[in-house]
Protein backbone atom coordinates (compact mmCIF):
# COMPACT_ATOMS: atom_id res chain seq x y z
CA MET A 1 -40.73 -20.91 3.07
CA ILE A 2 -38.18 -23.71 3.07
CA LEU A 3 -35.13 -23.75 0.82
CA SER A 4 -32.87 -26.77 0.49
CA ALA A 5 -29.61 -27.45 -1.31
CA LEU A 6 -30.75 -31.07 -1.77
CA PRO A 7 -33.79 -32.23 -3.76
CA ILE A 8 -37.14 -32.35 -1.92
CA GLY A 9 -39.27 -35.42 -2.52
CA ASP A 10 -42.88 -35.43 -3.70
CA LEU A 11 -44.21 -36.58 -0.33
CA ALA A 12 -42.46 -33.74 1.53
CA THR A 13 -43.56 -31.24 -1.12
CA GLN A 14 -47.20 -32.28 -0.72
CA TYR A 15 -46.83 -32.13 3.06
CA PHE A 16 -45.62 -28.53 2.86
CA ALA A 17 -48.24 -27.58 0.27
CA ASP A 18 -51.07 -28.80 2.50
CA ARG A 19 -49.83 -26.42 5.18
CA ASP A 20 -49.31 -23.44 2.81
CA ILE A 21 -45.52 -23.68 3.02
CA PHE A 22 -43.45 -22.90 -0.06
CA CYS A 23 -40.46 -25.17 -0.60
CA ALA A 24 -37.70 -25.31 -3.19
CA GLY A 25 -34.93 -27.84 -3.66
CA ARG A 26 -31.59 -27.90 -5.46
CA VAL A 27 -30.87 -24.29 -4.47
CA GLN A 28 -27.28 -23.18 -4.96
CA LEU A 29 -25.27 -22.67 -1.77
CA ALA A 30 -24.38 -19.14 -2.87
CA ASP A 31 -28.09 -18.33 -3.19
CA LEU A 32 -28.75 -19.81 0.24
CA ASP A 33 -26.06 -17.59 1.73
CA ARG A 34 -27.56 -14.50 0.12
CA VAL A 35 -31.06 -15.39 1.31
CA GLY A 36 -29.69 -15.93 4.81
CA LYS A 37 -28.03 -12.49 4.81
CA ALA A 38 -31.21 -10.88 3.50
CA THR A 39 -33.69 -12.52 5.87
CA GLY A 40 -31.51 -13.24 8.88
CA ALA A 41 -32.05 -17.01 8.61
CA VAL A 42 -29.35 -19.49 9.60
CA ILE A 43 -28.49 -22.42 7.32
CA GLN A 44 -29.16 -25.75 9.05
CA THR A 45 -27.53 -29.11 8.43
CA THR A 46 -30.24 -31.08 10.23
CA THR A 47 -33.92 -30.72 11.07
CA ASN A 48 -33.33 -31.50 14.73
CA GLY A 49 -33.22 -28.72 17.29
CA ILE A 50 -34.50 -25.92 15.07
CA SER A 51 -35.57 -22.87 17.10
CA GLU A 52 -37.14 -19.54 16.24
CA ALA A 53 -33.71 -17.91 16.40
CA CYS A 54 -32.73 -19.89 13.30
CA LEU A 55 -35.65 -18.57 11.26
CA GLY A 56 -35.59 -15.50 9.06
CA SER A 57 -38.24 -12.95 8.22
CA CYS A 58 -39.40 -11.49 4.93
CA GLY A 59 -42.11 -8.90 4.37
CA LYS A 60 -43.04 -10.07 0.86
CA PHE A 61 -42.25 -13.14 -1.19
CA GLU A 62 -43.33 -13.46 -4.80
CA GLU A 63 -42.41 -15.25 -8.01
CA VAL A 64 -41.74 -12.84 -10.86
CA GLN A 65 -41.10 -13.66 -14.50
CA LEU A 66 -38.51 -11.55 -16.30
CA GLY A 67 -38.16 -12.52 -19.92
CA ASN A 68 -37.94 -16.29 -20.15
CA GLU A 69 -36.78 -16.75 -16.56
CA ARG A 70 -38.74 -16.89 -13.32
CA TYR A 71 -37.26 -15.51 -10.10
CA ASN A 72 -38.25 -15.81 -6.46
CA MET A 73 -38.15 -12.33 -4.96
CA PHE A 74 -37.55 -11.70 -1.25
CA THR A 75 -38.41 -8.07 -0.53
CA GLN A 76 -39.16 -5.90 2.52
CA CYS A 77 -36.64 -7.81 4.63
CA PRO A 78 -36.04 -5.95 7.92
CA GLN A 79 -32.49 -7.34 8.36
CA ALA A 80 -31.42 -7.15 4.72
CA LYS A 81 -27.65 -6.99 4.12
CA THR A 82 -27.72 -7.87 0.43
CA VAL A 83 -29.12 -6.42 -2.78
CA THR A 84 -29.68 -8.38 -5.98
CA ILE A 85 -29.21 -6.68 -9.34
CA ILE A 86 -30.57 -8.47 -12.40
CA LEU A 87 -28.75 -7.70 -15.64
CA ARG A 88 -30.43 -8.39 -18.97
CA GLY A 89 -29.19 -7.91 -22.49
CA GLY A 90 -29.42 -9.09 -26.06
CA ALA A 91 -26.15 -11.02 -25.98
CA SER A 92 -23.94 -12.63 -23.35
CA GLN A 93 -20.99 -10.34 -24.08
CA TYR A 94 -23.14 -7.28 -23.32
CA ILE A 95 -24.23 -8.76 -20.01
CA GLU A 96 -20.66 -9.69 -19.08
CA GLU A 97 -19.42 -6.21 -19.94
CA ALA A 98 -22.24 -4.64 -17.91
CA ALA A 99 -21.42 -6.92 -14.97
CA ARG A 100 -17.73 -5.95 -15.08
CA SER A 101 -18.54 -2.25 -15.31
CA LEU A 102 -21.03 -2.48 -12.45
CA ASN A 103 -18.56 -4.42 -10.31
CA ASP A 104 -15.85 -1.83 -10.97
CA ALA A 105 -18.21 1.01 -10.04
CA ILE A 106 -19.31 -0.67 -6.81
CA MET A 107 -15.78 -1.59 -5.76
CA ILE A 108 -14.41 1.91 -6.40
CA VAL A 109 -17.21 3.45 -4.34
CA LEU A 110 -16.57 0.94 -1.54
CA ARG A 111 -12.86 1.72 -1.57
CA ALA A 112 -13.56 5.45 -1.65
CA VAL A 113 -15.75 5.11 1.44
CA LYS A 114 -13.06 3.14 3.29
CA ALA A 115 -10.15 5.31 2.11
CA LYS A 116 -8.85 8.13 4.28
CA ALA A 117 -8.14 10.44 1.35
CA ILE A 118 -9.40 11.00 -2.18
CA VAL A 119 -8.13 12.77 -5.27
CA VAL A 120 -9.93 14.13 -8.30
CA GLY A 121 -10.03 12.12 -11.51
CA GLY A 122 -10.37 13.29 -15.08
CA GLY A 123 -6.61 13.77 -15.39
CA ALA A 124 -6.56 16.56 -12.77
CA ILE A 125 -4.16 14.86 -10.38
CA GLU A 126 -1.84 13.87 -13.25
CA MET A 127 -1.68 17.44 -14.55
CA GLU A 128 -1.00 18.78 -11.06
CA LEU A 129 1.81 16.27 -10.55
CA SER A 130 3.21 17.15 -13.96
CA ARG A 131 3.18 20.86 -13.09
CA TYR A 132 4.93 20.22 -9.78
CA LEU A 133 7.63 18.10 -11.42
CA ARG A 134 8.26 20.70 -14.14
CA GLU A 135 8.77 23.34 -11.47
CA HIS A 136 10.96 21.07 -9.36
CA LEU A 137 13.22 19.98 -12.20
CA MET A 138 14.37 23.59 -12.61
CA THR A 139 16.26 23.16 -9.33
CA ILE A 140 18.01 19.97 -10.47
CA LYS A 141 21.24 19.79 -12.45
CA GLY A 142 22.53 17.13 -14.79
CA LYS A 143 20.83 14.31 -16.60
CA HIS A 144 18.29 13.79 -13.83
CA GLN A 145 16.50 16.83 -15.19
CA LEU A 146 15.82 15.02 -18.47
CA VAL A 147 14.47 11.97 -16.64
CA MET A 148 12.13 14.05 -14.52
CA SER A 149 11.00 16.02 -17.57
CA GLY A 150 10.14 12.76 -19.36
CA PHE A 151 8.20 11.54 -16.33
CA ALA A 152 6.23 14.79 -16.19
CA LYS A 153 5.44 14.52 -19.89
CA ALA A 154 4.30 10.89 -19.47
CA LEU A 155 1.77 11.94 -16.84
CA GLU A 156 0.00 14.07 -19.43
CA VAL A 157 -0.94 10.92 -21.37
CA ILE A 158 -3.97 10.37 -19.10
CA PRO A 159 -5.78 13.69 -19.78
CA ARG A 160 -4.68 13.52 -23.42
CA GLN A 161 -6.29 10.11 -23.86
CA LEU A 162 -9.45 11.19 -22.03
CA ALA A 163 -9.81 14.18 -24.32
CA GLU A 164 -9.18 12.09 -27.41
CA ASN A 165 -11.67 9.39 -26.39
CA SER A 166 -14.39 12.00 -25.79
CA GLY A 167 -13.87 13.62 -29.20
CA MET A 168 -12.18 16.76 -27.93
CA ASP A 169 -9.10 18.48 -29.33
CA CYS A 170 -6.40 16.96 -27.11
CA THR A 171 -3.82 19.65 -27.94
CA ASP A 172 -6.20 22.45 -27.01
CA VAL A 173 -7.29 20.63 -23.85
CA LEU A 174 -3.71 20.12 -22.66
CA ASN A 175 -2.86 23.76 -23.28
CA LYS A 176 -5.86 24.87 -21.20
CA LEU A 177 -5.00 22.43 -18.43
CA ARG A 178 -1.38 23.59 -18.28
CA GLN A 179 -2.53 27.22 -18.13
CA LYS A 180 -5.07 26.70 -15.36
CA HIS A 181 -2.78 24.55 -13.22
CA ALA A 182 0.10 27.01 -13.63
CA GLN A 183 -1.71 30.33 -13.21
CA GLU A 184 -4.70 29.73 -10.94
CA GLY A 185 -2.81 28.22 -7.98
CA GLU A 186 -4.97 26.24 -5.57
CA ALA A 187 -8.09 27.10 -7.55
CA GLY A 188 -6.73 25.18 -10.53
CA THR A 189 -5.50 22.15 -8.62
CA TRP A 190 -8.54 20.01 -9.42
CA VAL A 191 -9.17 21.20 -12.96
CA GLY A 192 -9.54 18.22 -15.31
CA VAL A 193 -11.25 16.93 -18.41
CA ASN A 194 -15.03 16.79 -18.22
CA VAL A 195 -15.72 14.12 -20.83
CA LEU A 196 -19.49 14.46 -20.48
CA GLY A 197 -19.63 18.22 -20.97
CA GLY A 198 -16.65 18.42 -23.31
CA THR A 199 -15.05 21.16 -21.21
CA VAL A 200 -12.13 21.77 -18.87
CA GLU A 201 -13.34 22.64 -15.37
CA ASP A 202 -13.04 21.94 -11.66
CA LEU A 203 -14.05 18.30 -11.25
CA PHE A 204 -14.04 18.38 -7.47
CA ASP A 205 -17.40 20.16 -7.51
CA LEU A 206 -18.69 17.53 -9.97
CA PHE A 207 -17.78 14.69 -7.58
CA VAL A 208 -15.33 13.03 -9.96
CA TRP A 209 -13.36 11.45 -7.13
CA GLU A 210 -11.26 8.35 -6.67
CA PRO A 211 -9.34 6.94 -3.70
CA GLU A 212 -5.82 8.24 -3.24
CA LEU A 213 -4.56 4.69 -2.73
CA VAL A 214 -5.79 3.60 -6.17
CA ARG A 215 -3.99 6.44 -7.94
CA MET A 216 -0.78 5.79 -5.97
CA ASN A 217 -0.86 2.12 -6.93
CA VAL A 218 -1.40 3.02 -10.59
CA LEU A 219 1.57 5.40 -10.65
CA GLN A 220 3.77 2.95 -8.79
CA ALA A 221 2.90 0.05 -11.10
CA ALA A 222 3.45 2.16 -14.22
CA THR A 223 6.80 3.41 -12.93
CA GLU A 224 7.99 -0.09 -12.07
CA ALA A 225 6.93 -1.37 -15.50
CA ALA A 226 8.82 1.45 -17.22
CA CYS A 227 11.92 0.79 -15.12
CA THR A 228 11.75 -2.90 -15.99
CA ILE A 229 11.57 -2.15 -19.71
CA LEU A 230 14.47 0.33 -19.50
CA SER A 231 16.59 -2.20 -17.64
CA VAL A 232 16.49 -4.59 -20.61
CA ASP A 233 19.75 -4.02 -22.50
CA ARG A 234 19.59 -6.92 -24.94
CA THR A 235 16.90 -9.01 -26.63
CA ILE A 236 17.41 -12.50 -28.04
CA ARG A 237 15.49 -13.52 -31.12
CA ASN A 238 14.86 -17.07 -32.21
CA PRO A 239 14.19 -17.12 -35.99
CA ALA A 240 13.12 -20.77 -35.91
CA SER A 241 10.25 -20.12 -33.45
CA GLU A 242 9.11 -17.06 -35.42
CA GLN A 243 8.70 -19.14 -38.59
CA GLN A 244 6.43 -21.59 -36.74
């Protein structure tokens, strides 16, 4: 098989066909890179000096039609480092949404593998932080206690929103979470909202994990945004621009 980023003429195509060699022209450079990673082939800029070390290997090559499109499939590659996922849908917005969701899922798994520490999702880490802050603020005097109490209350927005989006009673869910995190000690540390089962339980055993770094960045960004908003002491309105 020969793939080229430039068009292949009729004479060269017939030459390859007589020798049972498949050829394709006008292949995107991104596709050439993926094929090279899958088969172990090396992209060449000239036909001179080509050796066997530059060639790739593929166990099976076939042309498959999916819907109205035809695809060239390279499978059973011994040195494969890539995987192709074909997304199909009734409308472009569905495909784009599926692509974004799939990319988010792959990237979070990749970061979780590379991360040194993980925390439990489902609002468990937010409720545990909220519990810790409520206990710590009892040792603080003055107005700082009100600030810390507001921060602890803001952390409960995550499990509240998860419960509301899944059709659960958010007030009842928050009460159960506060009780388990306060009374069960270490056993209740990872108790969160199970949106699939509609219950409150230990999500560590259900593998609802996320990298610690991601959650730290989220809390830091949210805190900085809140501080920026609170630092604004005056707003200027331009009535003329509002009328336009």
